[in-house]
Amino acid sequence: MGDYRDPGVEEGVVYNVKVDAKGAAGEGIGKIGDLVVFVKNAKTRIGNMYDVKVTKVYRTFAYAELENPKRQFVGNGSVII
């Protein structure tokens, strides 16, 4: 059955994620380590950093949502409010 490794990502924990792509439904796609993370219901921009709270972890990917949807972090560290 494939090589299963604990990704070290926990549900309910906030991580800082860089959005590398957008999905067909508009979700942001990034990574925490080697684990792909889909940021649901987010108006994210590719290349920006966001604080996201992981809501569900699977073997090869995870779902997350913006921790503070009104506060968006830009790639250079500045904040858009």
N, C-alpha and C. Protein backbone atom coordinates (compact mmCIF):
# COMPACT_ATOMS: atom_id res chain seq x y z
N MET A 1 0.81 -1.18 0.00
CA MET A 1 0.00 0.00 0.00
C MET A 1 0.85 1.25 0.00
N GLY A 2 1.68 1.64 -0.60
CA GLY A 2 2.33 2.94 -0.59
C GLY A 2 3.03 3.30 0.72
N ASP A 3 3.87 4.27 0.64
CA ASP A 3 4.65 4.71 1.79
C ASP A 3 3.90 5.82 2.51
N TYR A 4 3.34 5.53 3.68
CA TYR A 4 2.62 6.55 4.44
C TYR A 4 3.55 7.15 5.48
N ARG A 5 3.70 8.44 5.43
CA ARG A 5 4.48 9.16 6.44
C ARG A 5 3.60 10.20 7.08
N ASP A 6 3.73 10.34 8.39
CA ASP A 6 2.98 11.37 9.10
C ASP A 6 3.48 12.73 8.60
N PRO A 7 2.60 13.55 8.01
CA PRO A 7 3.05 14.82 7.45
C PRO A 7 3.45 15.84 8.51
N GLY A 8 3.13 15.59 9.79
CA GLY A 8 3.48 16.54 10.83
C GLY A 8 2.58 17.76 10.85
N VAL A 9 1.49 17.71 10.11
CA VAL A 9 0.52 18.80 10.06
C VAL A 9 -0.68 18.39 10.90
N GLU A 10 -1.12 19.29 11.77
CA GLU A 10 -2.20 18.97 12.69
C GLU A 10 -3.44 19.82 12.41
N GLU A 11 -4.60 19.21 12.57
CA GLU A 11 -5.86 19.94 12.44
C GLU A 11 -6.00 20.95 13.56
N GLY A 12 -6.54 22.12 13.23
CA GLY A 12 -6.76 23.17 14.22
C GLY A 12 -5.57 24.07 14.47
N VAL A 13 -4.44 23.76 13.86
CA VAL A 13 -3.21 24.56 14.04
C VAL A 13 -3.11 25.58 12.90
N VAL A 14 -2.59 26.77 13.22
CA VAL A 14 -2.42 27.83 12.22
C VAL A 14 -1.00 27.77 11.66
N TYR A 15 -0.90 27.79 10.33
CA TYR A 15 0.38 27.78 9.63
C TYR A 15 0.42 28.97 8.68
N ASN A 16 1.62 29.41 8.34
CA ASN A 16 1.81 30.46 7.34
C ASN A 16 2.12 29.75 6.02
N VAL A 17 1.28 29.99 5.01
CA VAL A 17 1.38 29.27 3.74
C VAL A 17 1.49 30.25 2.58
N LYS A 18 2.36 29.94 1.64
CA LYS A 18 2.46 30.71 0.40
C LYS A 18 1.56 30.05 -0.63
N VAL A 19 0.67 30.82 -1.24
CA VAL A 19 -0.22 30.30 -2.27
C VAL A 19 0.55 30.25 -3.58
N ASP A 20 0.71 29.02 -4.11
CA ASP A 20 1.48 28.81 -5.34
C ASP A 20 0.60 28.70 -6.58
N ALA A 21 -0.70 28.40 -6.38
CA ALA A 21 -1.60 28.22 -7.52
C ALA A 21 -3.04 28.40 -7.05
N LYS A 22 -3.95 28.40 -8.03
CA LYS A 22 -5.38 28.46 -7.73
C LYS A 22 -6.05 27.25 -8.33
N GLY A 23 -7.02 26.71 -7.60
CA GLY A 23 -7.79 25.57 -8.09
C GLY A 23 -8.95 26.02 -8.96
N ALA A 24 -9.62 25.05 -9.58
CA ALA A 24 -10.74 25.33 -10.47
C ALA A 24 -11.89 26.03 -9.75
N ALA A 25 -12.06 25.75 -8.46
CA ALA A 25 -13.14 26.36 -7.69
C ALA A 25 -12.71 27.65 -7.02
N GLY A 26 -11.49 28.13 -7.32
CA GLY A 26 -11.02 29.39 -6.76
C GLY A 26 -10.26 29.26 -5.47
N GLU A 27 -10.09 28.05 -4.97
CA GLU A 27 -9.33 27.87 -3.73
C GLU A 27 -7.84 28.09 -3.97
N GLY A 28 -7.17 28.57 -2.93
CA GLY A 28 -5.73 28.74 -3.02
C GLY A 28 -5.05 27.40 -2.78
N ILE A 29 -3.93 27.16 -3.46
CA ILE A 29 -3.19 25.91 -3.30
C ILE A 29 -1.76 26.24 -2.90
N GLY A 30 -1.32 25.67 -1.79
CA GLY A 30 0.04 25.88 -1.31
C GLY A 30 0.55 24.61 -0.67
N LYS A 31 1.64 24.72 0.07
CA LYS A 31 2.24 23.56 0.72
C LYS A 31 2.67 23.90 2.13
N ILE A 32 2.54 22.93 3.01
CA ILE A 32 3.14 22.95 4.34
C ILE A 32 4.13 21.80 4.32
N GLY A 33 5.40 22.12 4.23
CA GLY A 33 6.40 21.08 4.01
C GLY A 33 6.15 20.46 2.65
N ASP A 34 5.93 19.14 2.60
CA ASP A 34 5.63 18.45 1.35
C ASP A 34 4.14 18.19 1.16
N LEU A 35 3.32 18.60 2.12
CA LEU A 35 1.89 18.33 2.07
C LEU A 35 1.17 19.46 1.33
N VAL A 36 0.38 19.11 0.31
CA VAL A 36 -0.40 20.09 -0.44
C VAL A 36 -1.58 20.53 0.40
N VAL A 37 -1.84 21.84 0.43
CA VAL A 37 -2.93 22.40 1.23
C VAL A 37 -3.85 23.21 0.31
N PHE A 38 -5.15 22.92 0.41
CA PHE A 38 -6.17 23.65 -0.33
C PHE A 38 -6.84 24.63 0.64
N VAL A 39 -6.74 25.93 0.35
CA VAL A 39 -7.31 26.96 1.21
C VAL A 39 -8.70 27.28 0.68
N LYS A 40 -9.72 26.79 1.38
CA LYS A 40 -11.10 26.91 0.92
C LYS A 40 -11.66 28.31 1.18
N ASN A 41 -12.61 28.69 0.32
CA ASN A 41 -13.36 29.94 0.48
C ASN A 41 -12.47 31.16 0.67
N ALA A 42 -11.40 31.22 -0.08
CA ALA A 42 -10.44 32.31 0.11
C ALA A 42 -10.23 33.07 -1.19
N LYS A 43 -10.25 34.37 -1.11
CA LYS A 43 -9.91 35.21 -2.26
C LYS A 43 -8.40 35.46 -2.19
N THR A 44 -7.65 34.42 -2.44
CA THR A 44 -6.19 34.51 -2.30
C THR A 44 -5.54 34.90 -3.62
N ARG A 45 -4.32 35.41 -3.52
CA ARG A 45 -3.55 35.78 -4.70
C ARG A 45 -2.30 34.91 -4.75
N ILE A 46 -1.95 34.46 -5.92
CA ILE A 46 -0.77 33.64 -6.10
C ILE A 46 0.46 34.43 -5.70
N GLY A 47 1.34 33.78 -4.93
CA GLY A 47 2.58 34.41 -4.48
C GLY A 47 2.49 35.05 -3.11
N ASN A 48 1.29 35.25 -2.58
CA ASN A 48 1.13 35.87 -1.27
C ASN A 48 1.18 34.84 -0.16
N MET A 49 1.52 35.31 1.04
CA MET A 49 1.57 34.48 2.24
C MET A 49 0.31 34.72 3.06
N TYR A 50 -0.25 33.65 3.63
CA TYR A 50 -1.47 33.74 4.42
C TYR A 50 -1.35 32.88 5.67
N ASP A 51 -1.94 33.34 6.76
CA ASP A 51 -2.10 32.50 7.95
C ASP A 51 -3.36 31.69 7.73
N VAL A 52 -3.22 30.37 7.74
CA VAL A 52 -4.36 29.49 7.52
C VAL A 52 -4.49 28.50 8.66
N LYS A 53 -5.73 28.16 8.99
CA LYS A 53 -5.99 27.15 10.01
C LYS A 53 -6.38 25.87 9.30
N VAL A 54 -5.65 24.80 9.57
CA VAL A 54 -5.91 23.51 8.95
C VAL A 54 -7.20 22.93 9.54
N THR A 55 -8.13 22.54 8.65
CA THR A 55 -9.41 22.01 9.11
C THR A 55 -9.51 20.50 8.96
N LYS A 56 -8.79 19.91 8.01
CA LYS A 56 -8.83 18.47 7.81
C LYS A 56 -7.54 18.01 7.15
N VAL A 57 -6.92 16.96 7.68
CA VAL A 57 -5.68 16.43 7.13
C VAL A 57 -5.94 15.02 6.61
N TYR A 58 -5.54 14.79 5.37
CA TYR A 58 -5.61 13.47 4.76
C TYR A 58 -4.19 12.97 4.53
N ARG A 59 -4.05 11.81 3.95
CA ARG A 59 -2.73 11.21 3.77
C ARG A 59 -1.83 12.05 2.86
N THR A 60 -2.38 12.60 1.78
CA THR A 60 -1.54 13.31 0.80
C THR A 60 -1.87 14.79 0.64
N PHE A 61 -2.91 15.28 1.33
CA PHE A 61 -3.28 16.69 1.22
C PHE A 61 -4.07 17.11 2.46
N ALA A 62 -4.32 18.42 2.54
CA ALA A 62 -5.09 18.95 3.67
C ALA A 62 -5.97 20.09 3.18
N TYR A 63 -7.03 20.37 3.96
CA TYR A 63 -7.87 21.53 3.72
C TYR A 63 -7.62 22.54 4.83
N ALA A 64 -7.71 23.82 4.46
CA ALA A 64 -7.51 24.89 5.45
C ALA A 64 -8.42 26.06 5.07
N GLU A 65 -8.54 27.00 6.00
CA GLU A 65 -9.28 28.23 5.74
C GLU A 65 -8.46 29.38 6.29
N LEU A 66 -8.71 30.58 5.77
CA LEU A 66 -7.98 31.75 6.24
C LEU A 66 -8.23 31.95 7.73
N GLU A 67 -7.19 32.19 8.48
CA GLU A 67 -7.32 32.43 9.92
C GLU A 67 -8.03 33.75 10.18
N ASN A 68 -7.66 34.77 9.44
CA ASN A 68 -8.27 36.09 9.58
C ASN A 68 -8.57 36.61 8.18
N PRO A 69 -9.76 36.32 7.64
CA PRO A 69 -10.05 36.68 6.25
C PRO A 69 -9.98 38.17 5.94
N LYS A 70 -10.10 39.03 6.95
CA LYS A 70 -10.03 40.47 6.70
C LYS A 70 -8.60 40.97 6.66
N ARG A 71 -7.68 40.16 7.13
CA ARG A 71 -6.28 40.57 7.16
C ARG A 71 -5.49 39.66 6.23
N GLN A 72 -4.93 40.23 5.16
CA GLN A 72 -4.23 39.44 4.17
C GLN A 72 -2.76 39.79 4.16
N PHE A 73 -1.91 38.77 4.14
CA PHE A 73 -0.47 38.99 4.14
C PHE A 73 0.07 38.91 2.73
N VAL A 74 0.87 39.88 2.37
CA VAL A 74 1.45 39.97 1.04
C VAL A 74 2.84 39.36 1.08
N GLY A 75 3.33 38.90 -0.06
CA GLY A 75 4.61 38.22 -0.15
C GLY A 75 5.78 38.99 0.43
N ASN A 76 5.74 40.33 0.43
CA ASN A 76 6.86 41.11 0.96
C ASN A 76 6.73 41.37 2.45
N GLY A 77 5.72 40.79 3.11
CA GLY A 77 5.57 40.94 4.55
C GLY A 77 4.63 42.05 4.98
N SER A 78 4.18 42.89 4.05
CA SER A 78 3.26 43.94 4.43
C SER A 78 1.84 43.38 4.58
N VAL A 79 0.97 44.15 5.18
CA VAL A 79 -0.40 43.69 5.47
C VAL A 79 -1.39 44.56 4.73
N ILE A 80 -2.39 43.90 4.11
CA ILE A 80 -3.51 44.62 3.47
C ILE A 80 -4.70 44.42 4.40
N ILE A 81 -5.31 45.50 4.83
CA ILE A 81 -6.49 45.38 5.73
C ILE A 81 -7.71 45.88 5.01
